[in-house]
Amino acid sequence: MERTVTMDSQGIVQEWTERAQELFGYSAEKAVGSSLGDLIVPAPMRPYHEMGLRRYVQTREPHCVGFVVEIEAVHEQGHGVPIQLKIVPVEVGEDLVFEAHMAEG
């Protein structure tokens, strides 16, 4: 799995690689600065995505962070994209960012 997306502790995309564009259709210009949840997480799952990020930021206790999960993400055109996903927290000075490592599932 390769790092495809980096997001801040609020879930806002900071880096969007060419591989992410291939998987999900969004250009880097469109994705950077947007919520990762709004871009690729199915609407019914977004609250869980946001809650998981908040919980990790507050407690540093992993729930899904650090584990490989298989999910159905959403392409820009609306169809499902089965992926394997691993969210890796990275401390950068006093800031916390998350690297999303993804592969087609």
PDB file of N, CA and C in Angstrom:
ATOM      1  N   MET A   1       0.840  -1.183   0.000  1.00  0.00           N
ATOM      2  CA  MET A   1       0.000   0.000   0.000  1.00  0.00           C
ATOM      3  C   MET A   1       0.880   1.240   0.000  1.00  0.00           C
ATOM      4  N   GLU A   2       0.456   2.226  -0.733  1.00  0.00           N
ATOM      5  CA  GLU A   2       1.233   3.458  -0.787  1.00  0.00           C
ATOM      6  C   GLU A   2       0.446   4.614  -0.197  1.00  0.00           C
ATOM      7  N   ARG A   3       1.195   5.599   0.309  1.00  0.00           N
ATOM      8  CA  ARG A   3       0.551   6.798   0.835  1.00  0.00           C
ATOM      9  C   ARG A   3      -0.077   7.535  -0.336  1.00  0.00           C
ATOM     10  N   THR A   4      -1.367   7.788  -0.243  1.00  0.00           N
ATOM     11  CA  THR A   4      -2.066   8.451  -1.335  1.00  0.00           C
ATOM     12  C   THR A   4      -2.647   9.792  -0.928  1.00  0.00           C
ATOM     13  N   VAL A   5      -2.930   9.952   0.350  1.00  0.00           N
ATOM     14  CA  VAL A   5      -3.548  11.188   0.823  1.00  0.00           C
ATOM     15  C   VAL A   5      -2.960  11.535   2.182  1.00  0.00           C
ATOM     16  N   THR A   6      -2.747  12.820   2.425  1.00  0.00           N
ATOM     17  CA  THR A   6      -2.409  13.308   3.756  1.00  0.00           C
ATOM     18  C   THR A   6      -3.485  14.304   4.144  1.00  0.00           C
ATOM     19  N   MET A   7      -3.991  14.161   5.380  1.00  0.00           N
ATOM     20  CA  MET A   7      -5.011  15.093   5.861  1.00  0.00           C
ATOM     21  C   MET A   7      -4.621  15.592   7.239  1.00  0.00           C
ATOM     22  N   ASP A   8      -5.144  16.766   7.597  1.00  0.00           N
ATOM     23  CA  ASP A   8      -4.853  17.309   8.918  1.00  0.00           C
ATOM     24  C   ASP A   8      -5.772  16.671   9.960  1.00  0.00           C
ATOM     25  N   SER A   9      -5.665  17.125  11.197  1.00  0.00           N
ATOM     26  CA  SER A   9      -6.430  16.510  12.283  1.00  0.00           C
ATOM     27  C   SER A   9      -7.928  16.770  12.178  1.00  0.00           C
ATOM     28  N   GLN A  10      -8.326  17.665  11.293  1.00  0.00           N
ATOM     29  CA  GLN A  10      -9.749  17.929  11.051  1.00  0.00           C
ATOM     30  C   GLN A  10     -10.276  17.132   9.855  1.00  0.00           C
ATOM     31  N   GLY A  11      -9.397  16.371   9.198  1.00  0.00           N
ATOM     32  CA  GLY A  11      -9.804  15.584   8.039  1.00  0.00           C
ATOM     33  C   GLY A  11      -9.738  16.343   6.728  1.00  0.00           C
ATOM     34  N   ILE A  12      -9.056  17.495   6.728  1.00  0.00           N
ATOM     35  CA  ILE A  12      -8.928  18.305   5.519  1.00  0.00           C
ATOM     36  C   ILE A  12      -7.705  17.836   4.730  1.00  0.00           C
ATOM     37  N   VAL A  13      -7.900  17.576   3.453  1.00  0.00           N
ATOM     38  CA  VAL A  13      -6.833  17.059   2.594  1.00  0.00           C
ATOM     39  C   VAL A  13      -5.724  18.098   2.451  1.00  0.00           C
ATOM     40  N   GLN A  14      -4.497  17.670   2.745  1.00  0.00           N
ATOM     41  CA  GLN A  14      -3.308  18.506   2.602  1.00  0.00           C
ATOM     42  C   GLN A  14      -2.486  18.101   1.383  1.00  0.00           C
ATOM     43  N   GLU A  15      -2.527  16.812   1.073  1.00  0.00           N
ATOM     44  CA  GLU A  15      -1.787  16.284  -0.082  1.00  0.00           C
ATOM     45  C   GLU A  15      -2.652  15.229  -0.761  1.00  0.00           C
ATOM     46  N   TRP A  16      -2.665  15.276  -2.085  1.00  0.00           N
ATOM     47  CA  TRP A  16      -3.470  14.353  -2.905  1.00  0.00           C
ATOM     48  C   TRP A  16      -2.570  13.910  -4.043  1.00  0.00           C
ATOM     49  N   THR A  17      -2.181  12.655  -4.043  1.00  0.00           N
ATOM     50  CA  THR A  17      -1.213  12.166  -5.022  1.00  0.00           C
ATOM     51  C   THR A  17      -1.886  11.796  -6.343  1.00  0.00           C
ATOM     52  N   GLU A  18      -1.045  11.540  -7.338  1.00  0.00           N
ATOM     53  CA  GLU A  18      -1.565  11.080  -8.631  1.00  0.00           C
ATOM     54  C   GLU A  18      -2.333   9.772  -8.467  1.00  0.00           C
ATOM     55  N   ARG A  19      -1.873   8.924  -7.570  1.00  0.00           N
ATOM     56  CA  ARG A  19      -2.566   7.650  -7.324  1.00  0.00           C
ATOM     57  C   ARG A  19      -3.969   7.899  -6.780  1.00  0.00           C
ATOM     58  N   ALA A  20      -4.116   8.875  -5.897  1.00  0.00           N
ATOM     59  CA  ALA A  20      -5.446   9.218  -5.385  1.00  0.00           C
ATOM     60  C   ALA A  20      -6.341   9.696  -6.520  1.00  0.00           C
ATOM     61  N   GLN A  21      -5.768  10.485  -7.421  1.00  0.00           N
ATOM     62  CA  GLN A  21      -6.545  10.960  -8.565  1.00  0.00           C
ATOM     63  C   GLN A  21      -6.990   9.784  -9.436  1.00  0.00           C
ATOM     64  N   GLU A  22      -6.094   8.818  -9.647  1.00  0.00           N
ATOM     65  CA  GLU A  22      -6.447   7.629 -10.435  1.00  0.00           C
ATOM     66  C   GLU A  22      -7.575   6.836  -9.770  1.00  0.00           C
ATOM     67  N   LEU A  23      -7.512   6.695  -8.447  1.00  0.00           N
ATOM     68  CA  LEU A  23      -8.511   5.906  -7.727  1.00  0.00           C
ATOM     69  C   LEU A  23      -9.874   6.589  -7.663  1.00  0.00           C
ATOM     70  N   PHE A  24      -9.874   7.910  -7.432  1.00  0.00           N
ATOM     71  CA  PHE A  24     -11.119   8.596  -7.080  1.00  0.00           C
ATOM     72  C   PHE A  24     -11.579   9.662  -8.069  1.00  0.00           C
ATOM     73  N   GLY A  25     -10.741  10.007  -9.052  1.00  0.00           N
ATOM     74  CA  GLY A  25     -11.160  10.933 -10.092  1.00  0.00           C
ATOM     75  C   GLY A  25     -10.908  12.398  -9.814  1.00  0.00           C
ATOM     76  N   TYR A  26     -10.827  12.800  -8.569  1.00  0.00           N
ATOM     77  CA  TYR A  26     -10.625  14.211  -8.238  1.00  0.00           C
ATOM     78  C   TYR A  26      -9.199  14.647  -8.538  1.00  0.00           C
ATOM     79  N   SER A  27      -9.037  15.838  -9.091  1.00  0.00           N
ATOM     80  CA  SER A  27      -7.701  16.408  -9.276  1.00  0.00           C
ATOM     81  C   SER A  27      -7.194  16.894  -7.920  1.00  0.00           C
ATOM     82  N   ALA A  28      -5.881  17.071  -7.814  1.00  0.00           N
ATOM     83  CA  ALA A  28      -5.307  17.605  -6.579  1.00  0.00           C
ATOM     84  C   ALA A  28      -5.863  18.992  -6.294  1.00  0.00           C
ATOM     85  N   GLU A  29      -6.053  19.787  -7.340  1.00  0.00           N
ATOM     86  CA  GLU A  29      -6.566  21.145  -7.158  1.00  0.00           C
ATOM     87  C   GLU A  29      -7.950  21.131  -6.514  1.00  0.00           C
ATOM     88  N   LYS A  30      -8.744  20.150  -6.856  1.00  0.00           N
ATOM     89  CA  LYS A  30     -10.099  20.046  -6.312  1.00  0.00           C
ATOM     90  C   LYS A  30     -10.090  19.433  -4.912  1.00  0.00           C
ATOM     91  N   ALA A  31      -9.197  18.487  -4.678  1.00  0.00           N
ATOM     92  CA  ALA A  31      -9.209  17.738  -3.421  1.00  0.00           C
ATOM     93  C   ALA A  31      -8.536  18.473  -2.267  1.00  0.00           C
ATOM     94  N   VAL A  32      -7.378  19.094  -2.522  1.00  0.00           N
ATOM     95  CA  VAL A  32      -6.640  19.757  -1.440  1.00  0.00           C
ATOM     96  C   VAL A  32      -7.488  20.899  -0.889  1.00  0.00           C
ATOM     97  N   GLY A  33      -7.636  20.899   0.433  1.00  0.00           N
ATOM     98  CA  GLY A  33      -8.465  21.904   1.099  1.00  0.00           C
ATOM     99  C   GLY A  33      -9.889  21.438   1.352  1.00  0.00           C
ATOM    100  N   SER A  34     -10.243  20.265   0.819  1.00  0.00           N
ATOM    101  CA  SER A  34     -11.579  19.698   1.023  1.00  0.00           C
ATOM    102  C   SER A  34     -11.531  18.626   2.105  1.00  0.00           C
ATOM    103  N   SER A  35     -12.671  18.319   2.657  1.00  0.00           N
ATOM    104  CA  SER A  35     -12.782  17.240   3.633  1.00  0.00           C
ATOM    105  C   SER A  35     -12.660  15.896   2.918  1.00  0.00           C
ATOM    106  N   LEU A  36     -11.765  15.037   3.406  1.00  0.00           N
ATOM    107  CA  LEU A  36     -11.630  13.711   2.809  1.00  0.00           C
ATOM    108  C   LEU A  36     -12.950  12.953   2.906  1.00  0.00           C
ATOM    109  N   GLY A  37     -13.631  13.108   4.027  1.00  0.00           N
ATOM    110  CA  GLY A  37     -14.917  12.449   4.196  1.00  0.00           C
ATOM    111  C   GLY A  37     -15.919  12.852   3.136  1.00  0.00           C
ATOM    112  N   ASP A  38     -15.973  14.143   2.828  1.00  0.00           N
ATOM    113  CA  ASP A  38     -16.910  14.624   1.810  1.00  0.00           C
ATOM    114  C   ASP A  38     -16.550  14.111   0.426  1.00  0.00           C
ATOM    115  N   LEU A  39     -15.267  13.866   0.191  1.00  0.00           N
ATOM    116  CA  LEU A  39     -14.830  13.424  -1.131  1.00  0.00           C
ATOM    117  C   LEU A  39     -15.078  11.944  -1.373  1.00  0.00           C
ATOM    118  N   ILE A  40     -14.646  11.089  -0.449  1.00  0.00           N
ATOM    119  CA  ILE A  40     -14.626   9.656  -0.775  1.00  0.00           C
ATOM    120  C   ILE A  40     -15.373   8.746   0.191  1.00  0.00           C
ATOM    121  N   VAL A  41     -15.834   9.268   1.321  1.00  0.00           N
ATOM    122  CA  VAL A  41     -16.535   8.417   2.284  1.00  0.00           C
ATOM    123  C   VAL A  41     -18.029   8.421   1.951  1.00  0.00           C
ATOM    124  N   PRO A  42     -18.645   7.236   1.842  1.00  0.00           N
ATOM    125  CA  PRO A  42     -20.084   7.192   1.574  1.00  0.00           C
ATOM    126  C   PRO A  42     -20.855   7.985   2.634  1.00  0.00           C
ATOM    127  N   ALA A  43     -21.867   8.714   2.221  1.00  0.00           N
ATOM    128  CA  ALA A  43     -22.616   9.605   3.116  1.00  0.00           C
ATOM    129  C   ALA A  43     -23.036   8.939   4.431  1.00  0.00           C
ATOM    130  N   PRO A  44     -23.554   7.704   4.421  1.00  0.00           N
ATOM    131  CA  PRO A  44     -23.967   7.099   5.696  1.00  0.00           C
ATOM    132  C   PRO A  44     -22.805   6.844   6.661  1.00  0.00           C
ATOM    133  N   MET A  45     -21.580   6.780   6.136  1.00  0.00           N
ATOM    134  CA  MET A  45     -20.413   6.479   6.967  1.00  0.00           C
ATOM    135  C   MET A  45     -19.667   7.729   7.434  1.00  0.00           C
ATOM    136  N   ARG A  46     -19.981   8.890   6.894  1.00  0.00           N
ATOM    137  CA  ARG A  46     -19.236  10.113   7.235  1.00  0.00           C
ATOM    138  C   ARG A  46     -19.231  10.437   8.724  1.00  0.00           C
ATOM    139  N   PRO A  47     -20.369  10.329   9.414  1.00  0.00           N
ATOM    140  CA  PRO A  47     -20.320  10.627  10.855  1.00  0.00           C
ATOM    141  C   PRO A  47     -19.339   9.736  11.610  1.00  0.00           C
ATOM    142  N   TYR A  48     -19.228   8.474  11.214  1.00  0.00           N
ATOM    143  CA  TYR A  48     -18.294   7.552  11.873  1.00  0.00           C
ATOM    144  C   TYR A  48     -16.848   7.924  11.561  1.00  0.00           C
ATOM    145  N   HIS A  49     -16.597   8.326  10.327  1.00  0.00           N
ATOM    146  CA  HIS A  49     -15.263   8.781   9.922  1.00  0.00           C
ATOM    147  C   HIS A  49     -14.860   9.993  10.765  1.00  0.00           C
ATOM    148  N   GLU A  50     -15.744  10.980  10.850  1.00  0.00           N
ATOM    149  CA  GLU A  50     -15.448  12.201  11.600  1.00  0.00           C
ATOM    150  C   GLU A  50     -15.288  11.915  13.088  1.00  0.00           C
ATOM    151  N   MET A  51     -16.148  11.058  13.637  1.00  0.00           N
ATOM    152  CA  MET A  51     -16.071  10.702  15.045  1.00  0.00           C
ATOM    153  C   MET A  51     -14.759   9.972  15.348  1.00  0.00           C
ATOM    154  N   GLY A  52     -14.349   9.077  14.453  1.00  0.00           N
ATOM    155  CA  GLY A  52     -13.101   8.352  14.654  1.00  0.00           C
ATOM    156  C   GLY A  52     -11.888   9.269  14.668  1.00  0.00           C
ATOM    157  N   LEU A  53     -11.860  10.253  13.766  1.00  0.00           N
ATOM    158  CA  LEU A  53     -10.757  11.216  13.766  1.00  0.00           C
ATOM    159  C   LEU A  53     -10.740  12.022  15.059  1.00  0.00           C
ATOM    160  N   ARG A  54     -11.909  12.546  15.443  1.00  0.00           N
ATOM    161  CA  ARG A  54     -11.986  13.352  16.674  1.00  0.00           C
ATOM    162  C   ARG A  54     -11.545  12.544  17.884  1.00  0.00           C
ATOM    163  N   ARG A  55     -12.013  11.297  17.957  1.00  0.00           N
ATOM    164  CA  ARG A  55     -11.663  10.450  19.103  1.00  0.00           C
ATOM    165  C   ARG A  55     -10.157  10.234  19.171  1.00  0.00           C
ATOM    166  N   TYR A  56      -9.544   9.956  18.022  1.00  0.00           N
ATOM    167  CA  TYR A  56      -8.100   9.726  18.034  1.00  0.00           C
ATOM    168  C   TYR A  56      -7.353  10.993  18.432  1.00  0.00           C
ATOM    169  N   VAL A  57      -7.752  12.143  17.889  1.00  0.00           N
ATOM    170  CA  VAL A  57      -7.085  13.409  18.210  1.00  0.00           C
ATOM    171  C   VAL A  57      -7.167  13.681  19.711  1.00  0.00           C
ATOM    172  N   GLN A  58      -8.307  13.399  20.324  1.00  0.00           N
ATOM    173  CA  GLN A  58      -8.505  13.678  21.746  1.00  0.00           C
ATOM    174  C   GLN A  58      -7.828  12.665  22.655  1.00  0.00           C
ATOM    175  N   THR A  59      -7.850  11.389  22.289  1.00  0.00           N
ATOM    176  CA  THR A  59      -7.395  10.339  23.206  1.00  0.00           C
ATOM    177  C   THR A  59      -6.125   9.616  22.776  1.00  0.00           C
ATOM    178  N   ARG A  60      -5.793   9.708  21.499  1.00  0.00           N
ATOM    179  CA  ARG A  60      -4.687   8.961  20.891  1.00  0.00           C
ATOM    180  C   ARG A  60      -4.900   7.451  20.992  1.00  0.00           C
ATOM    181  N   GLU A  61      -6.126   7.031  21.255  1.00  0.00           N
ATOM    182  CA  GLU A  61      -6.452   5.608  21.291  1.00  0.00           C
ATOM    183  C   GLU A  61      -6.948   5.174  19.917  1.00  0.00           C
ATOM    184  N   PRO A  62      -6.279   4.191  19.325  1.00  0.00           N
ATOM    185  CA  PRO A  62      -6.700   3.753  17.994  1.00  0.00           C
ATOM    186  C   PRO A  62      -8.005   2.968  18.050  1.00  0.00           C
ATOM    187  N   HIS A  63      -8.839   3.219  17.097  1.00  0.00           N
ATOM    188  CA  HIS A  63     -10.042   2.403  16.894  1.00  0.00           C
ATOM    189  C   HIS A  63      -9.883   1.761  15.520  1.00  0.00           C
ATOM    190  N   CYS A  64      -9.838   2.587  14.505  1.00  0.00           N
ATOM    191  CA  CYS A  64      -9.532   2.117  13.148  1.00  0.00           C
ATOM    192  C   CYS A  64      -8.186   2.643  12.689  1.00  0.00           C
ATOM    193  N   VAL A  65      -7.630   3.595  13.433  1.00  0.00           N
ATOM    194  CA  VAL A  65      -6.343   4.179  13.065  1.00  0.00           C
ATOM    195  C   VAL A  65      -5.254   3.138  13.261  1.00  0.00           C
ATOM    196  N   GLY A  66      -4.416   2.963  12.232  1.00  0.00           N
ATOM    197  CA  GLY A  66      -3.303   2.036  12.319  1.00  0.00           C
ATOM    198  C   GLY A  66      -3.603   0.627  11.839  1.00  0.00           C
ATOM    199  N   PHE A  67      -4.836   0.359  11.488  1.00  0.00           N
ATOM    200  CA  PHE A  67      -5.243  -0.967  11.032  1.00  0.00           C
ATOM    201  C   PHE A  67      -5.672  -0.909   9.570  1.00  0.00           C
ATOM    202  N   VAL A  68      -5.472  -2.005   8.858  1.00  0.00           N
ATOM    203  CA  VAL A  68      -5.962  -2.091   7.478  1.00  0.00           C
ATOM    204  C   VAL A  68      -7.439  -2.482   7.523  1.00  0.00           C
ATOM    205  N   VAL A  69      -8.251  -1.683   6.846  1.00  0.00           N
ATOM    206  CA  VAL A  69      -9.677  -1.987   6.731  1.00  0.00           C
ATOM    207  C   VAL A  69     -10.047  -2.010   5.254  1.00  0.00           C
ATOM    208  N   GLU A  70     -11.043  -2.788   4.934  1.00  0.00           N
ATOM    209  CA  GLU A  70     -11.549  -2.821   3.565  1.00  0.00           C
ATOM    210  C   GLU A  70     -12.865  -2.066   3.546  1.00  0.00           C
ATOM    211  N   ILE A  71     -12.938  -1.055   2.681  1.00  0.00           N
ATOM    212  CA  ILE A  71     -14.145  -0.236   2.592  1.00  0.00           C
ATOM    213  C   ILE A  71     -14.498   0.007   1.133  1.00  0.00           C
ATOM    214  N   GLU A  72     -15.695   0.457   0.935  1.00  0.00           N
ATOM    215  CA  GLU A  72     -16.138   0.894  -0.388  1.00  0.00           C
ATOM    216  C   GLU A  72     -16.131   2.417  -0.359  1.00  0.00           C
ATOM    217  N   ALA A  73     -15.137   3.016  -0.995  1.00  0.00           N
ATOM    218  CA  ALA A  73     -15.061   4.471  -1.100  1.00  0.00           C
ATOM    219  C   ALA A  73     -15.914   4.911  -2.286  1.00  0.00           C
ATOM    220  N   VAL A  74     -15.990   6.226  -2.496  1.00  0.00           N
ATOM    221  CA  VAL A  74     -16.825   6.767  -3.561  1.00  0.00           C
ATOM    222  C   VAL A  74     -15.963   7.548  -4.547  1.00  0.00           C
ATOM    223  N   HIS A  75     -16.116   7.251  -5.820  1.00  0.00           N
ATOM    224  CA  HIS A  75     -15.432   7.960  -6.906  1.00  0.00           C
ATOM    225  C   HIS A  75     -16.142   9.283  -7.160  1.00  0.00           C
ATOM    226  N   GLU A  76     -15.434  10.232  -7.752  1.00  0.00           N
ATOM    227  CA  GLU A  76     -16.022  11.533  -8.088  1.00  0.00           C
ATOM    228  C   GLU A  76     -17.301  11.375  -8.914  1.00  0.00           C
ATOM    229  N   GLN A  77     -17.347  10.356  -9.762  1.00  0.00           N
ATOM    230  CA  GLN A  77     -18.518  10.137 -10.613  1.00  0.00           C
ATOM    231  C   GLN A  77     -19.646   9.384  -9.900  1.00  0.00           C
ATOM    232  N   GLY A  78     -19.430   9.044  -8.621  1.00  0.00           N
ATOM    233  CA  GLY A  78     -20.496   8.466  -7.818  1.00  0.00           C
ATOM    234  C   GLY A  78     -20.484   6.962  -7.645  1.00  0.00           C
ATOM    235  N   HIS A  79     -19.661   6.245  -8.401  1.00  0.00           N
ATOM    236  CA  HIS A  79     -19.640   4.787  -8.243  1.00  0.00           C
ATOM    237  C   HIS A  79     -18.691   4.376  -7.119  1.00  0.00           C
ATOM    238  N   GLY A  80     -18.911   3.161  -6.631  1.00  0.00           N
ATOM    239  CA  GLY A  80     -18.096   2.644  -5.551  1.00  0.00           C
ATOM    240  C   GLY A  80     -16.711   2.236  -6.004  1.00  0.00           C
ATOM    241  N   VAL A  81     -15.749   2.387  -5.098  1.00  0.00           N
ATOM    242  CA  VAL A  81     -14.364   1.983  -5.337  1.00  0.00           C
ATOM    243  C   VAL A  81     -13.933   1.147  -4.131  1.00  0.00           C
ATOM    244  N   PRO A  82     -13.847  -0.182  -4.272  1.00  0.00           N
ATOM    245  CA  PRO A  82     -13.392  -0.994  -3.145  1.00  0.00           C
ATOM    246  C   PRO A  82     -11.896  -0.775  -2.909  1.00  0.00           C
ATOM    247  N   ILE A  83     -11.558  -0.425  -1.671  1.00  0.00           N
ATOM    248  CA  ILE A  83     -10.153  -0.167  -1.343  1.00  0.00           C
ATOM    249  C   ILE A  83      -9.788  -0.828  -0.018  1.00  0.00           C
ATOM    250  N   GLN A  84      -8.482  -1.026   0.133  1.00  0.00           N
ATOM    251  CA  GLN A  84      -7.899  -1.337   1.427  1.00  0.00           C
ATOM    252  C   GLN A  84      -7.311  -0.023   1.914  1.00  0.00           C
ATOM    253  N   LEU A  85      -7.552   0.283   3.178  1.00  0.00           N
ATOM    254  CA  LEU A  85      -7.168   1.582   3.728  1.00  0.00           C
ATOM    255  C   LEU A  85      -6.485   1.403   5.066  1.00  0.00           C
ATOM    256  N   LYS A  86      -5.403   2.124   5.240  1.00  0.00           N
ATOM    257  CA  LYS A  86      -4.737   2.183   6.539  1.00  0.00           C
ATOM    258  C   LYS A  86      -4.448   3.647   6.822  1.00  0.00           C
ATOM    259  N   ILE A  87      -4.969   4.149   7.936  1.00  0.00           N
ATOM    260  CA  ILE A  87      -4.729   5.525   8.358  1.00  0.00           C
ATOM    261  C   ILE A  87      -3.582   5.499   9.364  1.00  0.00           C
ATOM    262  N   VAL A  88      -2.535   6.270   9.088  1.00  0.00           N
ATOM    263  CA  VAL A  88      -1.354   6.304   9.943  1.00  0.00           C
ATOM    264  C   VAL A  88      -1.203   7.711  10.520  1.00  0.00           C
ATOM    265  N   PRO A  89      -1.256   7.851  11.853  1.00  0.00           N
ATOM    266  CA  PRO A  89      -1.052   9.166  12.457  1.00  0.00           C
ATOM    267  C   PRO A  89       0.428   9.527  12.461  1.00  0.00           C
ATOM    268  N   VAL A  90       0.720  10.795  12.192  1.00  0.00           N
ATOM    269  CA  VAL A  90       2.104  11.273  12.169  1.00  0.00           C
ATOM    270  C   VAL A  90       2.165  12.591  12.935  1.00  0.00           C
ATOM    271  N   GLU A  91       3.022  12.644  13.946  1.00  0.00           N
ATOM    272  CA  GLU A  91       3.235  13.884  14.695  1.00  0.00           C
ATOM    273  C   GLU A  91       4.249  14.729  13.931  1.00  0.00           C
ATOM    274  N   VAL A  92       3.872  15.958  13.624  1.00  0.00           N
ATOM    275  CA  VAL A  92       4.753  16.897  12.929  1.00  0.00           C
ATOM    276  C   VAL A  92       4.890  18.104  13.844  1.00  0.00           C
ATOM    277  N   GLY A  93       5.979  18.115  14.630  1.00  0.00           N
ATOM    278  CA  GLY A  93       6.096  19.151  15.655  1.00  0.00           C
ATOM    279  C   GLY A  93       4.964  18.961  16.651  1.00  0.00           C
ATOM    280  N   GLU A  94       4.173  20.013  16.843  1.00  0.00           N
ATOM    281  CA  GLU A  94       3.020  19.910  17.738  1.00  0.00           C
ATOM    282  C   GLU A  94       1.742  19.562  16.989  1.00  0.00           C
ATOM    283  N   ASP A  95       1.841  19.424  15.683  1.00  0.00           N
ATOM    284  CA  ASP A  95       0.668  19.122  14.865  1.00  0.00           C
ATOM    285  C   ASP A  95       0.549  17.622  14.626  1.00  0.00           C
ATOM    286  N   LEU A  96      -0.666  17.210  14.360  1.00  0.00           N
ATOM    287  CA  LEU A  96      -0.951  15.822  14.038  1.00  0.00           C
ATOM    288  C   LEU A  96      -1.555  15.782  12.647  1.00  0.00           C
ATOM    289  N   VAL A  97      -0.984  14.952  11.796  1.00  0.00           N
ATOM    290  CA  VAL A  97      -1.564  14.726  10.471  1.00  0.00           C
ATOM    291  C   VAL A  97      -1.796  13.224  10.328  1.00  0.00           C
ATOM    292  N   PHE A  98      -2.597  12.881   9.349  1.00  0.00           N
ATOM    293  CA  PHE A  98      -2.875  11.478   9.072  1.00  0.00           C
ATOM    294  C   PHE A  98      -2.498  11.182   7.638  1.00  0.00           C
ATOM    295  N   GLU A  99      -1.744  10.112   7.452  1.00  0.00           N
ATOM    296  CA  GLU A  99      -1.452   9.623   6.108  1.00  0.00           C
ATOM    297  C   GLU A  99      -2.426   8.490   5.826  1.00  0.00           C
ATOM    298  N   ALA A 100      -3.073   8.555   4.684  1.00  0.00           N
ATOM    299  CA  ALA A 100      -3.967   7.481   4.261  1.00  0.00           C
ATOM    300  C   ALA A 100      -3.237   6.659   3.210  1.00  0.00           C
ATOM    301  N   HIS A 101      -2.968   5.418   3.535  1.00  0.00           N
ATOM    302  CA  HIS A 101      -2.329   4.483   2.615  1.00  0.00           C
ATOM    303  C   HIS A 101      -3.443   3.635   2.012  1.00  0.00           C
ATOM    304  N   MET A 102      -3.517   3.607   0.682  1.00  0.00           N
ATOM    305  CA  MET A 102      -4.632   2.932   0.026  1.00  0.00           C
ATOM    306  C   MET A 102      -4.161   2.047  -1.113  1.00  0.00           C
ATOM    307  N   ALA A 103      -4.929   0.998  -1.333  1.00  0.00           N
ATOM    308  CA  ALA A 103      -4.735   0.126  -2.488  1.00  0.00           C
ATOM    309  C   ALA A 103      -6.111  -0.342  -2.930  1.00  0.00           C
ATOM    310  N   GLU A 104      -6.229  -0.616  -4.216  1.00  0.00           N
ATOM    311  CA  GLU A 104      -7.499  -1.151  -4.699  1.00  0.00           C
ATOM    312  C   GLU A 104      -7.746  -2.484  -4.018  1.00  0.00           C
ATOM    313  N   GLY A 105      -8.977  -2.670  -3.576  1.00  0.00           N
ATOM    314  CA  GLY A 105      -9.303  -3.880  -2.831  1.00  0.00           C
ATOM    315  C   GLY A 105     -10.074  -4.794  -3.671  1.00  0.00           C
TER     316      GLY A 105
END
